[in-house]
Amino acid sequence: MELKQYLLEKRTIIDQALHEYMPQMSGPKEELFKAMGYSLFAGGKRLRPILCIASAEAAGGNHEDVIPVACALEMIHTYSLIHDDLPAMDDDDMRRGKATNHIVFGDAMAILAGDGLLTEAFKVMSCPELLKRAGAERFQRVIEIVAAASGPHGMVAGQALDIRTEGKKIDTGLMEIIHEHKTGALLKASVTTGAILGGASEKDIKSLDDYGKNIGLAFQISDDILDIEGDSEKMGKPAGSDIERGKNTYPAIHGMEKSKIILREIIDNAIETLEAFKERAEPLRQIAEYIIERRK
């Protein structure tokens, strides 16, 4: 399997669906929807929805089983980026090679654009087609997982802890909690919901959930490393910003060499969890390796 082609095919499917869920709006709501679309269609990797699809495929399903949830995950991720970039948080001017949302539309509209994407995500997931396809029990379970990963038990908690620990020395345990919540929670939810909607057994859901947990932590460690070694032009945002803000990262606590060893171990653990899925999980295996190799 060629990962580059796989990612392109799935990203195309996701982008087409996102345009259907988020059409251009005219009239009094035009500016708000323009701000929402500005960040949503700014050229992201679509990693979360792709993981959702790949997990469903590993479970024996397909992209049609998960499209509303896959798109909702991307909307939630985009909302988090808009809010992370705000002056009151990370105060970033560039994202994906473009001016951040608040630079273009102002702080207030950026906040509202993030709010709009978050709530629209749950509207997209609540579609009758998904309920009919998944069944009430799996449908409810998926909504609960996404809500938990997005809110004060997941991503929001991670961001709060990240802000409150800037410039402070913390131990590895607290740093892992921050990483697992801020970045890991939604990535893990992407994999787990894909497994559920793809029809996986409870045993297979657990295996894919473990994969998602490892991938979530690995992605953030990779981000920590890229912030030091990455190319600002390729990443679409300035390198070195974590150091400037005094953020707690793996390289800051463990050093670069040990951080790379830890990252390799976590990726190996993730791949191990996929053994029972054989060739159906090949995209997930290659995505795990991609996390180490990526440059943006």
C-alpha atoms as a PDB file:
ATOM      1  CA  MET A   1       0.000   0.000   0.000  1.00  0.00           C
ATOM      2  CA  GLU A   2       1.250   3.468  -0.920  1.00  0.00           C
ATOM      3  CA  LEU A   3       0.529   5.719   2.067  1.00  0.00           C
ATOM      4  CA  LYS A   4       0.799   8.941   0.087  1.00  0.00           C
ATOM      5  CA  GLN A   5      -1.922   7.799  -2.320  1.00  0.00           C
ATOM      6  CA  TYR A   6      -4.081   6.488   0.518  1.00  0.00           C
ATOM      7  CA  LEU A   7      -3.888   9.814   2.380  1.00  0.00           C
ATOM      8  CA  LEU A   8      -4.717  11.740  -0.798  1.00  0.00           C
ATOM      9  CA  GLU A   9      -7.746   9.551  -1.584  1.00  0.00           C
ATOM     10  CA  LYS A  10      -9.164   9.814   1.929  1.00  0.00           C
ATOM     11  CA  ARG A  11      -8.438  13.534   2.196  1.00  0.00           C
ATOM     12  CA  THR A  12     -10.330  14.079  -1.062  1.00  0.00           C
ATOM     13  CA  ILE A  13     -13.347  12.184   0.305  1.00  0.00           C
ATOM     14  CA  ILE A  14     -13.259  14.172   3.536  1.00  0.00           C
ATOM     15  CA  ASP A  15     -12.854  17.537   1.811  1.00  0.00           C
ATOM     16  CA  GLN A  16     -15.814  16.847  -0.481  1.00  0.00           C
ATOM     17  CA  ALA A  17     -17.972  15.937   2.512  1.00  0.00           C
ATOM     18  CA  LEU A  18     -16.819  18.984   4.502  1.00  0.00           C
ATOM     19  CA  HIS A  19     -17.798  21.279   1.625  1.00  0.00           C
ATOM     20  CA  GLU A  20     -21.244  19.678   1.628  1.00  0.00           C
ATOM     21  CA  TYR A  21     -21.607  20.146   5.383  1.00  0.00           C
ATOM     22  CA  MET A  22     -20.194  23.689   5.269  1.00  0.00           C
ATOM     23  CA  PRO A  23     -21.430  25.374   2.069  1.00  0.00           C
ATOM     24  CA  GLN A  24     -20.739  29.037   1.385  1.00  0.00           C
ATOM     25  CA  MET A  25     -23.249  31.274   3.096  1.00  0.00           C
ATOM     26  CA  SER A  26     -24.569  34.659   2.004  1.00  0.00           C
ATOM     27  CA  GLY A  27     -26.573  37.236   3.907  1.00  0.00           C
ATOM     28  CA  PRO A  28     -26.238  38.223   7.583  1.00  0.00           C
ATOM     29  CA  LYS A  29     -24.308  35.035   8.530  1.00  0.00           C
ATOM     30  CA  GLU A  30     -21.777  35.374   5.715  1.00  0.00           C
ATOM     31  CA  GLU A  31     -18.869  36.748   7.752  1.00  0.00           C
ATOM     32  CA  LEU A  32     -19.180  34.116  10.466  1.00  0.00           C
ATOM     33  CA  PHE A  33     -19.289  31.225   7.983  1.00  0.00           C
ATOM     34  CA  LYS A  34     -16.439  32.772   6.021  1.00  0.00           C
ATOM     35  CA  ALA A  35     -14.331  32.814   9.206  1.00  0.00           C
ATOM     36  CA  MET A  36     -15.273  29.205   9.975  1.00  0.00           C
ATOM     37  CA  GLY A  37     -14.427  28.086   6.437  1.00  0.00           C
ATOM     38  CA  TYR A  38     -11.181  30.078   6.363  1.00  0.00           C
ATOM     39  CA  SER A  39      -9.586  27.782   8.941  1.00  0.00           C
ATOM     40  CA  LEU A  40     -11.470  24.601   8.077  1.00  0.00           C
ATOM     41  CA  PHE A  41     -10.285  24.723   4.465  1.00  0.00           C
ATOM     42  CA  ALA A  42      -6.788  26.041   5.158  1.00  0.00           C
ATOM     43  CA  GLY A  43      -5.137  22.816   3.978  1.00  0.00           C
ATOM     44  CA  GLY A  44      -4.833  20.602   7.047  1.00  0.00           C
ATOM     45  CA  LYS A  45      -3.584  17.013   6.936  1.00  0.00           C
ATOM     46  CA  ARG A  46      -7.047  15.657   7.914  1.00  0.00           C
ATOM     47  CA  LEU A  47      -5.238  13.145  10.130  1.00  0.00           C
ATOM     48  CA  ARG A  48      -8.098  12.690  12.605  1.00  0.00           C
ATOM     49  CA  PRO A  49     -10.784  11.885  10.022  1.00  0.00           C
ATOM     50  CA  ILE A  50      -8.338   9.678   8.125  1.00  0.00           C
ATOM     51  CA  LEU A  51      -7.570   7.750  11.304  1.00  0.00           C
ATOM     52  CA  CYS A  52     -11.312   7.348  11.847  1.00  0.00           C
ATOM     53  CA  ILE A  53     -11.735   5.909   8.357  1.00  0.00           C
ATOM     54  CA  ALA A  54      -8.652   3.672   8.603  1.00  0.00           C
ATOM     55  CA  SER A  55      -9.831   2.300  11.927  1.00  0.00           C
ATOM     56  CA  ALA A  56     -13.282   1.544  10.497  1.00  0.00           C
ATOM     57  CA  GLU A  57     -11.611  -0.264   7.592  1.00  0.00           C
ATOM     58  CA  ALA A  58      -9.440  -2.290   9.983  1.00  0.00           C
ATOM     59  CA  ALA A  59     -12.657  -3.345  11.728  1.00  0.00           C
ATOM     60  CA  GLY A  60     -14.201  -4.436   8.422  1.00  0.00           C
ATOM     61  CA  GLY A  61     -16.201  -1.276   7.645  1.00  0.00           C
ATOM     62  CA  ASN A  62     -15.661   1.568   5.178  1.00  0.00           C
ATOM     63  CA  HIS A  63     -15.613   5.350   4.942  1.00  0.00           C
ATOM     64  CA  GLU A  64     -19.368   5.577   4.439  1.00  0.00           C
ATOM     65  CA  ASP A  65     -19.853   4.229   7.972  1.00  0.00           C
ATOM     66  CA  VAL A  66     -17.977   7.141   9.546  1.00  0.00           C
ATOM     67  CA  ILE A  67     -18.063  10.222   7.288  1.00  0.00           C
ATOM     68  CA  PRO A  68     -20.265  12.410   9.551  1.00  0.00           C
ATOM     69  CA  VAL A  69     -18.090  11.639  12.570  1.00  0.00           C
ATOM     70  CA  ALA A  70     -14.850  11.971  10.590  1.00  0.00           C
ATOM     71  CA  CYS A  71     -15.893  15.433   9.405  1.00  0.00           C
ATOM     72  CA  ALA A  72     -17.070  16.418  12.872  1.00  0.00           C
ATOM     73  CA  LEU A  73     -13.666  15.471  14.297  1.00  0.00           C
ATOM     74  CA  GLU A  74     -11.973  17.778  11.792  1.00  0.00           C
ATOM     75  CA  MET A  75     -14.349  20.619  12.715  1.00  0.00           C
ATOM     76  CA  ILE A  76     -13.570  20.136  16.408  1.00  0.00           C
ATOM     77  CA  HIS A  77      -9.834  20.002  15.727  1.00  0.00           C
ATOM     78  CA  THR A  78     -10.041  23.195  13.666  1.00  0.00           C
ATOM     79  CA  TYR A  79     -12.000  24.979  16.399  1.00  0.00           C
ATOM     80  CA  SER A  80      -9.255  24.067  18.872  1.00  0.00           C
ATOM     81  CA  LEU A  81      -6.564  25.492  16.590  1.00  0.00           C
ATOM     82  CA  ILE A  82      -8.443  28.783  16.139  1.00  0.00           C
ATOM     83  CA  HIS A  83      -8.759  29.190  19.904  1.00  0.00           C
ATOM     84  CA  ASP A  84      -5.183  28.006  20.610  1.00  0.00           C
ATOM     85  CA  ASP A  85      -3.857  30.726  18.305  1.00  0.00           C
ATOM     86  CA  LEU A  86      -5.693  33.567  20.091  1.00  0.00           C
ATOM     87  CA  PRO A  87      -3.659  36.267  21.876  1.00  0.00           C
ATOM     88  CA  ALA A  88      -5.029  35.092  25.237  1.00  0.00           C
ATOM     89  CA  MET A  89      -3.575  31.617  24.614  1.00  0.00           C
ATOM     90  CA  ASP A  90      -0.604  30.887  22.320  1.00  0.00           C
ATOM     91  CA  ASP A  91      -0.788  34.220  20.457  1.00  0.00           C
ATOM     92  CA  ASP A  92       0.276  32.815  17.071  1.00  0.00           C
ATOM     93  CA  ASP A  93       0.156  34.833  13.862  1.00  0.00           C
ATOM     94  CA  MET A  94       0.695  31.969  11.393  1.00  0.00           C
ATOM     95  CA  ARG A  95      -0.976  28.595  10.960  1.00  0.00           C
ATOM     96  CA  ARG A  96      -0.518  26.258   7.970  1.00  0.00           C
ATOM     97  CA  GLY A  97       1.385  28.983   6.152  1.00  0.00           C
ATOM     98  CA  LYS A  98      -1.459  31.502   6.437  1.00  0.00           C
ATOM     99  CA  ALA A  99      -2.378  34.288   8.815  1.00  0.00           C
ATOM    100  CA  THR A 100      -4.271  32.896  11.787  1.00  0.00           C
ATOM    101  CA  ASN A 101      -8.005  33.397  12.064  1.00  0.00           C
ATOM    102  CA  HIS A 102      -7.911  36.237  14.583  1.00  0.00           C
ATOM    103  CA  ILE A 103      -5.375  38.151  12.483  1.00  0.00           C
ATOM    104  CA  VAL A 104      -7.768  38.063   9.517  1.00  0.00           C
ATOM    105  CA  PHE A 105     -11.150  38.386  11.235  1.00  0.00           C
ATOM    106  CA  GLY A 106     -10.345  39.815  14.665  1.00  0.00           C
ATOM    107  CA  ASP A 107     -10.376  38.167  18.086  1.00  0.00           C
ATOM    108  CA  ALA A 108     -14.133  38.231  18.625  1.00  0.00           C
ATOM    109  CA  MET A 109     -15.025  36.699  15.269  1.00  0.00           C
ATOM    110  CA  ALA A 110     -12.291  34.070  15.684  1.00  0.00           C
ATOM    111  CA  ILE A 111     -13.775  33.023  19.019  1.00  0.00           C
ATOM    112  CA  LEU A 112     -17.218  32.797  17.436  1.00  0.00           C
ATOM    113  CA  ALA A 113     -15.858  30.876  14.438  1.00  0.00           C
ATOM    114  CA  GLY A 114     -14.382  28.310  16.834  1.00  0.00           C
ATOM    115  CA  ASP A 115     -17.643  28.140  18.768  1.00  0.00           C
ATOM    116  CA  GLY A 116     -19.519  27.679  15.514  1.00  0.00           C
ATOM    117  CA  LEU A 117     -17.324  24.811  14.343  1.00  0.00           C
ATOM    118  CA  LEU A 118     -17.539  23.009  17.681  1.00  0.00           C
ATOM    119  CA  THR A 119     -21.318  23.122  17.830  1.00  0.00           C
ATOM    120  CA  GLU A 120     -21.761  22.433  14.112  1.00  0.00           C
ATOM    121  CA  ALA A 121     -19.712  19.273  14.607  1.00  0.00           C
ATOM    122  CA  PHE A 122     -22.348  17.849  16.917  1.00  0.00           C
ATOM    123  CA  LYS A 123     -25.095  18.854  14.500  1.00  0.00           C
ATOM    124  CA  VAL A 124     -23.286  16.932  11.745  1.00  0.00           C
ATOM    125  CA  MET A 125     -22.872  13.858  13.953  1.00  0.00           C
ATOM    126  CA  SER A 126     -26.529  13.865  14.994  1.00  0.00           C
ATOM    127  CA  CYS A 127     -27.759  13.161  11.461  1.00  0.00           C
ATOM    128  CA  PRO A 128     -30.460  10.454  11.167  1.00  0.00           C
ATOM    129  CA  GLU A 129     -28.404   8.571   8.570  1.00  0.00           C
ATOM    130  CA  LEU A 130     -25.642   7.903  11.100  1.00  0.00           C
ATOM    131  CA  LEU A 131     -28.128   6.782  13.747  1.00  0.00           C
ATOM    132  CA  LYS A 132     -29.779   4.403  11.283  1.00  0.00           C
ATOM    133  CA  ARG A 133     -26.466   3.003  10.053  1.00  0.00           C
ATOM    134  CA  ALA A 134     -24.814   2.608  13.462  1.00  0.00           C
ATOM    135  CA  GLY A 135     -27.772   1.698  15.644  1.00  0.00           C
ATOM    136  CA  ALA A 136     -28.767   3.543  18.801  1.00  0.00           C
ATOM    137  CA  GLU A 137     -26.224   1.948  21.151  1.00  0.00           C
ATOM    138  CA  ARG A 138     -23.151   2.549  19.011  1.00  0.00           C
ATOM    139  CA  PHE A 139     -24.439   5.984  17.976  1.00  0.00           C
ATOM    140  CA  GLN A 140     -24.792   7.098  21.617  1.00  0.00           C
ATOM    141  CA  ARG A 141     -21.407   5.651  22.507  1.00  0.00           C
ATOM    142  CA  VAL A 142     -19.674   7.539  19.711  1.00  0.00           C
ATOM    143  CA  ILE A 143     -21.278  10.876  20.635  1.00  0.00           C
ATOM    144  CA  GLU A 144     -20.216  10.384  24.256  1.00  0.00           C
ATOM    145  CA  ILE A 145     -16.618   9.551  23.294  1.00  0.00           C
ATOM    146  CA  VAL A 146     -16.264  12.592  21.034  1.00  0.00           C
ATOM    147  CA  ALA A 147     -17.819  14.906  23.635  1.00  0.00           C
ATOM    148  CA  ALA A 148     -15.534  13.599  26.382  1.00  0.00           C
ATOM    149  CA  ALA A 149     -12.433  13.911  24.196  1.00  0.00           C
ATOM    150  CA  SER A 150     -13.326  17.478  23.206  1.00  0.00           C
ATOM    151  CA  GLY A 151     -14.285  18.962  26.558  1.00  0.00           C
ATOM    152  CA  PRO A 152     -13.096  19.374  30.155  1.00  0.00           C
ATOM    153  CA  HIS A 153     -12.255  15.677  30.443  1.00  0.00           C
ATOM    154  CA  GLY A 154     -10.101  15.816  27.297  1.00  0.00           C
ATOM    155  CA  MET A 155      -8.762  18.502  25.001  1.00  0.00           C
ATOM    156  CA  VAL A 156      -9.972  21.525  27.004  1.00  0.00           C
ATOM    157  CA  ALA A 157      -8.398  20.139  30.163  1.00  0.00           C
ATOM    158  CA  GLY A 158      -5.117  19.620  28.324  1.00  0.00           C
ATOM    159  CA  GLN A 159      -5.097  23.181  27.042  1.00  0.00           C
ATOM    160  CA  ALA A 160      -5.911  24.561  30.502  1.00  0.00           C
ATOM    161  CA  LEU A 161      -3.066  22.602  32.084  1.00  0.00           C
ATOM    162  CA  ASP A 162      -0.699  23.591  29.278  1.00  0.00           C
ATOM    163  CA  ILE A 163      -1.407  27.275  29.855  1.00  0.00           C
ATOM    164  CA  ARG A 164      -1.115  27.045  33.632  1.00  0.00           C
ATOM    165  CA  THR A 165       2.221  25.199  33.558  1.00  0.00           C
ATOM    166  CA  GLU A 166       4.015  27.466  31.063  1.00  0.00           C
ATOM    167  CA  GLY A 167       7.357  28.533  32.522  1.00  0.00           C
ATOM    168  CA  LYS A 168       7.015  26.097  35.433  1.00  0.00           C
ATOM    169  CA  LYS A 169       9.045  22.958  36.013  1.00  0.00           C
ATOM    170  CA  ILE A 170       6.828  19.874  36.079  1.00  0.00           C
ATOM    171  CA  ASP A 171       7.464  16.127  36.224  1.00  0.00           C
ATOM    172  CA  THR A 172       7.044  13.620  33.409  1.00  0.00           C
ATOM    173  CA  GLY A 173       3.762  12.349  34.803  1.00  0.00           C
ATOM    174  CA  LEU A 174       2.021  15.724  34.585  1.00  0.00           C
ATOM    175  CA  MET A 175       3.516  16.394  31.173  1.00  0.00           C
ATOM    176  CA  GLU A 176       2.092  13.085  29.894  1.00  0.00           C
ATOM    177  CA  ILE A 177      -1.321  14.036  31.287  1.00  0.00           C
ATOM    178  CA  ILE A 178      -1.147  17.340  29.384  1.00  0.00           C
ATOM    179  CA  HIS A 179      -0.096  15.626  26.147  1.00  0.00           C
ATOM    180  CA  GLU A 180      -2.667  12.835  26.456  1.00  0.00           C
ATOM    181  CA  HIS A 181      -5.453  15.360  26.943  1.00  0.00           C
ATOM    182  CA  LYS A 182      -4.481  18.277  24.729  1.00  0.00           C
ATOM    183  CA  THR A 183      -3.489  16.273  21.635  1.00  0.00           C
ATOM    184  CA  GLY A 184      -3.990  12.612  22.423  1.00  0.00           C
ATOM    185  CA  ALA A 185      -7.649  12.659  23.442  1.00  0.00           C
ATOM    186  CA  LEU A 186      -9.106  13.629  20.072  1.00  0.00           C
ATOM    187  CA  LEU A 187      -6.691  11.427  18.110  1.00  0.00           C
ATOM    188  CA  LYS A 188      -7.603   8.461  20.310  1.00  0.00           C
ATOM    189  CA  ALA A 189     -11.309   9.255  19.905  1.00  0.00           C
ATOM    190  CA  SER A 190     -10.857   9.296  16.135  1.00  0.00           C
ATOM    191  CA  VAL A 191      -9.541   5.734  16.162  1.00  0.00           C
ATOM    192  CA  THR A 192     -11.998   4.402  18.737  1.00  0.00           C
ATOM    193  CA  THR A 193     -15.090   5.850  17.071  1.00  0.00           C
ATOM    194  CA  GLY A 194     -13.947   4.457  13.731  1.00  0.00           C
ATOM    195  CA  ALA A 195     -13.658   1.012  15.294  1.00  0.00           C
ATOM    196  CA  ILE A 196     -17.120   1.229  16.853  1.00  0.00           C
ATOM    197  CA  LEU A 197     -18.823   2.468  13.686  1.00  0.00           C
ATOM    198  CA  GLY A 198     -16.905  -0.048  11.585  1.00  0.00           C
ATOM    199  CA  GLY A 199     -18.561  -2.860  13.548  1.00  0.00           C
ATOM    200  CA  ALA A 200     -15.582  -4.054  15.585  1.00  0.00           C
ATOM    201  CA  SER A 201     -15.986  -6.531  18.425  1.00  0.00           C
ATOM    202  CA  GLU A 202     -15.290  -5.331  21.973  1.00  0.00           C
ATOM    203  CA  LYS A 203     -11.901  -7.063  21.873  1.00  0.00           C
ATOM    204  CA  ASP A 204     -10.981  -5.319  18.609  1.00  0.00           C
ATOM    205  CA  ILE A 205     -12.277  -1.971  19.885  1.00  0.00           C
ATOM    206  CA  LYS A 206      -9.933  -2.329  22.871  1.00  0.00           C
ATOM    207  CA  SER A 207      -6.971  -3.094  20.595  1.00  0.00           C
ATOM    208  CA  LEU A 208      -7.688  -0.108  18.364  1.00  0.00           C
ATOM    209  CA  ASP A 209      -8.303   2.088  21.413  1.00  0.00           C
ATOM    210  CA  ASP A 210      -4.815   1.127  22.656  1.00  0.00           C
ATOM    211  CA  TYR A 211      -3.404   1.979  19.233  1.00  0.00           C
ATOM    212  CA  GLY A 212      -5.134   5.374  19.389  1.00  0.00           C
ATOM    213  CA  LYS A 213      -3.767   6.111  22.859  1.00  0.00           C
ATOM    214  CA  ASN A 214      -0.211   5.397  21.702  1.00  0.00           C
ATOM    215  CA  ILE A 215      -0.625   7.379  18.503  1.00  0.00           C
ATOM    216  CA  GLY A 216      -2.031  10.366  20.377  1.00  0.00           C
ATOM    217  CA  LEU A 217       0.985  10.608  22.673  1.00  0.00           C
ATOM    218  CA  ALA A 218       3.410   9.897  19.831  1.00  0.00           C
ATOM    219  CA  PHE A 219       1.979  12.702  17.714  1.00  0.00           C
ATOM    220  CA  GLN A 220       2.535  15.268  20.457  1.00  0.00           C
ATOM    221  CA  ILE A 221       6.086  14.067  21.140  1.00  0.00           C
ATOM    222  CA  SER A 222       6.726  14.348  17.397  1.00  0.00           C
ATOM    223  CA  ASP A 223       5.348  17.900  17.524  1.00  0.00           C
ATOM    224  CA  ASP A 224       7.691  18.696  20.430  1.00  0.00           C
ATOM    225  CA  ILE A 225      10.649  17.467  18.382  1.00  0.00           C
ATOM    226  CA  LEU A 226       9.550  19.307  15.246  1.00  0.00           C
ATOM    227  CA  ASP A 227       9.291  22.558  17.183  1.00  0.00           C
ATOM    228  CA  ILE A 228      13.060  22.339  17.634  1.00  0.00           C
ATOM    229  CA  GLU A 229      14.234  20.551  14.486  1.00  0.00           C
ATOM    230  CA  GLY A 230      11.462  21.454  12.034  1.00  0.00           C
ATOM    231  CA  ASP A 231      11.546  23.904   9.160  1.00  0.00           C
ATOM    232  CA  SER A 232       9.224  26.886   9.737  1.00  0.00           C
ATOM    233  CA  GLU A 233       8.371  27.127   6.037  1.00  0.00           C
ATOM    234  CA  LYS A 234       7.408  23.447   5.774  1.00  0.00           C
ATOM    235  CA  MET A 235       5.437  23.519   9.032  1.00  0.00           C
ATOM    236  CA  GLY A 236       3.595  26.725   8.152  1.00  0.00           C
ATOM    237  CA  LYS A 237       4.310  28.195  11.590  1.00  0.00           C
ATOM    238  CA  PRO A 238       7.409  29.448  13.431  1.00  0.00           C
ATOM    239  CA  ALA A 239       9.748  26.834  14.886  1.00  0.00           C
ATOM    240  CA  GLY A 240      11.039  27.284  18.426  1.00  0.00           C
ATOM    241  CA  SER A 241       7.850  28.801  19.834  1.00  0.00           C
ATOM    242  CA  ASP A 242       7.549  26.172  22.594  1.00  0.00           C
ATOM    243  CA  ILE A 243      10.970  27.095  23.968  1.00  0.00           C
ATOM    244  CA  GLU A 244      10.171  30.811  23.858  1.00  0.00           C
ATOM    245  CA  ARG A 245       6.987  30.303  25.869  1.00  0.00           C
ATOM    246  CA  GLY A 246       8.601  27.977  28.380  1.00  0.00           C
ATOM    247  CA  LYS A 247       6.296  25.085  27.497  1.00  0.00           C
ATOM    248  CA  ASN A 248       6.893  21.678  29.010  1.00  0.00           C
ATOM    249  CA  THR A 249       7.884  19.303  26.213  1.00  0.00           C
ATOM    250  CA  TYR A 250       9.620  15.935  25.962  1.00  0.00           C
ATOM    251  CA  PRO A 251      12.893  17.422  24.659  1.00  0.00           C
ATOM    252  CA  ALA A 252      12.821  20.043  27.425  1.00  0.00           C
ATOM    253  CA  ILE A 253      12.512  17.373  30.129  1.00  0.00           C
ATOM    254  CA  HIS A 254      14.243  14.329  28.584  1.00  0.00           C
ATOM    255  CA  GLY A 255      16.533  15.835  25.958  1.00  0.00           C
ATOM    256  CA  MET A 256      16.283  15.255  22.211  1.00  0.00           C
ATOM    257  CA  GLU A 257      18.002  11.852  21.987  1.00  0.00           C
ATOM    258  CA  LYS A 258      15.917  10.226  24.710  1.00  0.00           C
ATOM    259  CA  SER A 259      12.728  11.813  23.334  1.00  0.00           C
ATOM    260  CA  LYS A 260      13.353  10.143  19.979  1.00  0.00           C
ATOM    261  CA  ILE A 261      13.936   6.788  21.691  1.00  0.00           C
ATOM    262  CA  ILE A 262      10.674   7.170  23.631  1.00  0.00           C
ATOM    263  CA  LEU A 263       8.844   8.116  20.429  1.00  0.00           C
ATOM    264  CA  ARG A 264      10.152   5.001  18.649  1.00  0.00           C
ATOM    265  CA  GLU A 265       9.062   2.794  21.557  1.00  0.00           C
ATOM    266  CA  ILE A 266       5.543   4.252  21.565  1.00  0.00           C
ATOM    267  CA  ILE A 267       5.193   3.798  17.804  1.00  0.00           C
ATOM    268  CA  ASP A 268       6.341   0.167  18.127  1.00  0.00           C
ATOM    269  CA  ASN A 269       3.753  -0.362  20.870  1.00  0.00           C
ATOM    270  CA  ALA A 270       1.052   1.113  18.640  1.00  0.00           C
ATOM    271  CA  ILE A 271       1.948  -1.168  15.742  1.00  0.00           C
ATOM    272  CA  GLU A 272       1.977  -4.214  18.055  1.00  0.00           C
ATOM    273  CA  THR A 273      -1.685  -3.656  18.945  1.00  0.00           C
ATOM    274  CA  LEU A 274      -2.639  -4.158  15.267  1.00  0.00           C
ATOM    275  CA  GLU A 275      -1.309  -7.695  14.886  1.00  0.00           C
ATOM    276  CA  ALA A 276      -4.740  -9.377  14.817  1.00  0.00           C
ATOM    277  CA  PHE A 277      -6.025  -7.127  12.011  1.00  0.00           C
ATOM    278  CA  LYS A 278      -3.430  -8.293   9.465  1.00  0.00           C
ATOM    279  CA  GLU A 279      -3.528  -6.457   6.108  1.00  0.00           C
ATOM    280  CA  ARG A 280      -6.712  -4.538   6.975  1.00  0.00           C
ATOM    281  CA  ALA A 281      -4.677  -2.410   9.395  1.00  0.00           C
ATOM    282  CA  GLU A 282      -1.824  -1.635   6.985  1.00  0.00           C
ATOM    283  CA  PRO A 283      -2.871   2.030   6.646  1.00  0.00           C
ATOM    284  CA  LEU A 284      -2.792   2.386  10.437  1.00  0.00           C
ATOM    285  CA  ARG A 285       0.689   0.839  10.575  1.00  0.00           C
ATOM    286  CA  GLN A 286       2.010   3.200   7.930  1.00  0.00           C
ATOM    287  CA  ILE A 287       0.374   6.216   9.578  1.00  0.00           C
ATOM    288  CA  ALA A 288       2.204   5.289  12.782  1.00  0.00           C
ATOM    289  CA  GLU A 289       5.539   5.303  10.931  1.00  0.00           C
ATOM    290  CA  TYR A 290       4.566   8.551   9.207  1.00  0.00           C
ATOM    291  CA  ILE A 291       4.337  10.263  12.602  1.00  0.00           C
ATOM    292  CA  ILE A 292       8.092   9.747  13.073  1.00  0.00           C
ATOM    293  CA  GLU A 293       8.984  10.689   9.508  1.00  0.00           C
ATOM    294  CA  ARG A 294       6.733  13.740   9.052  1.00  0.00           C
ATOM    295  CA  ARG A 295       8.244  17.186   8.632  1.00  0.00           C
ATOM    296  CA  LYS A 296       5.154  19.308   9.297  1.00  0.00           C
END
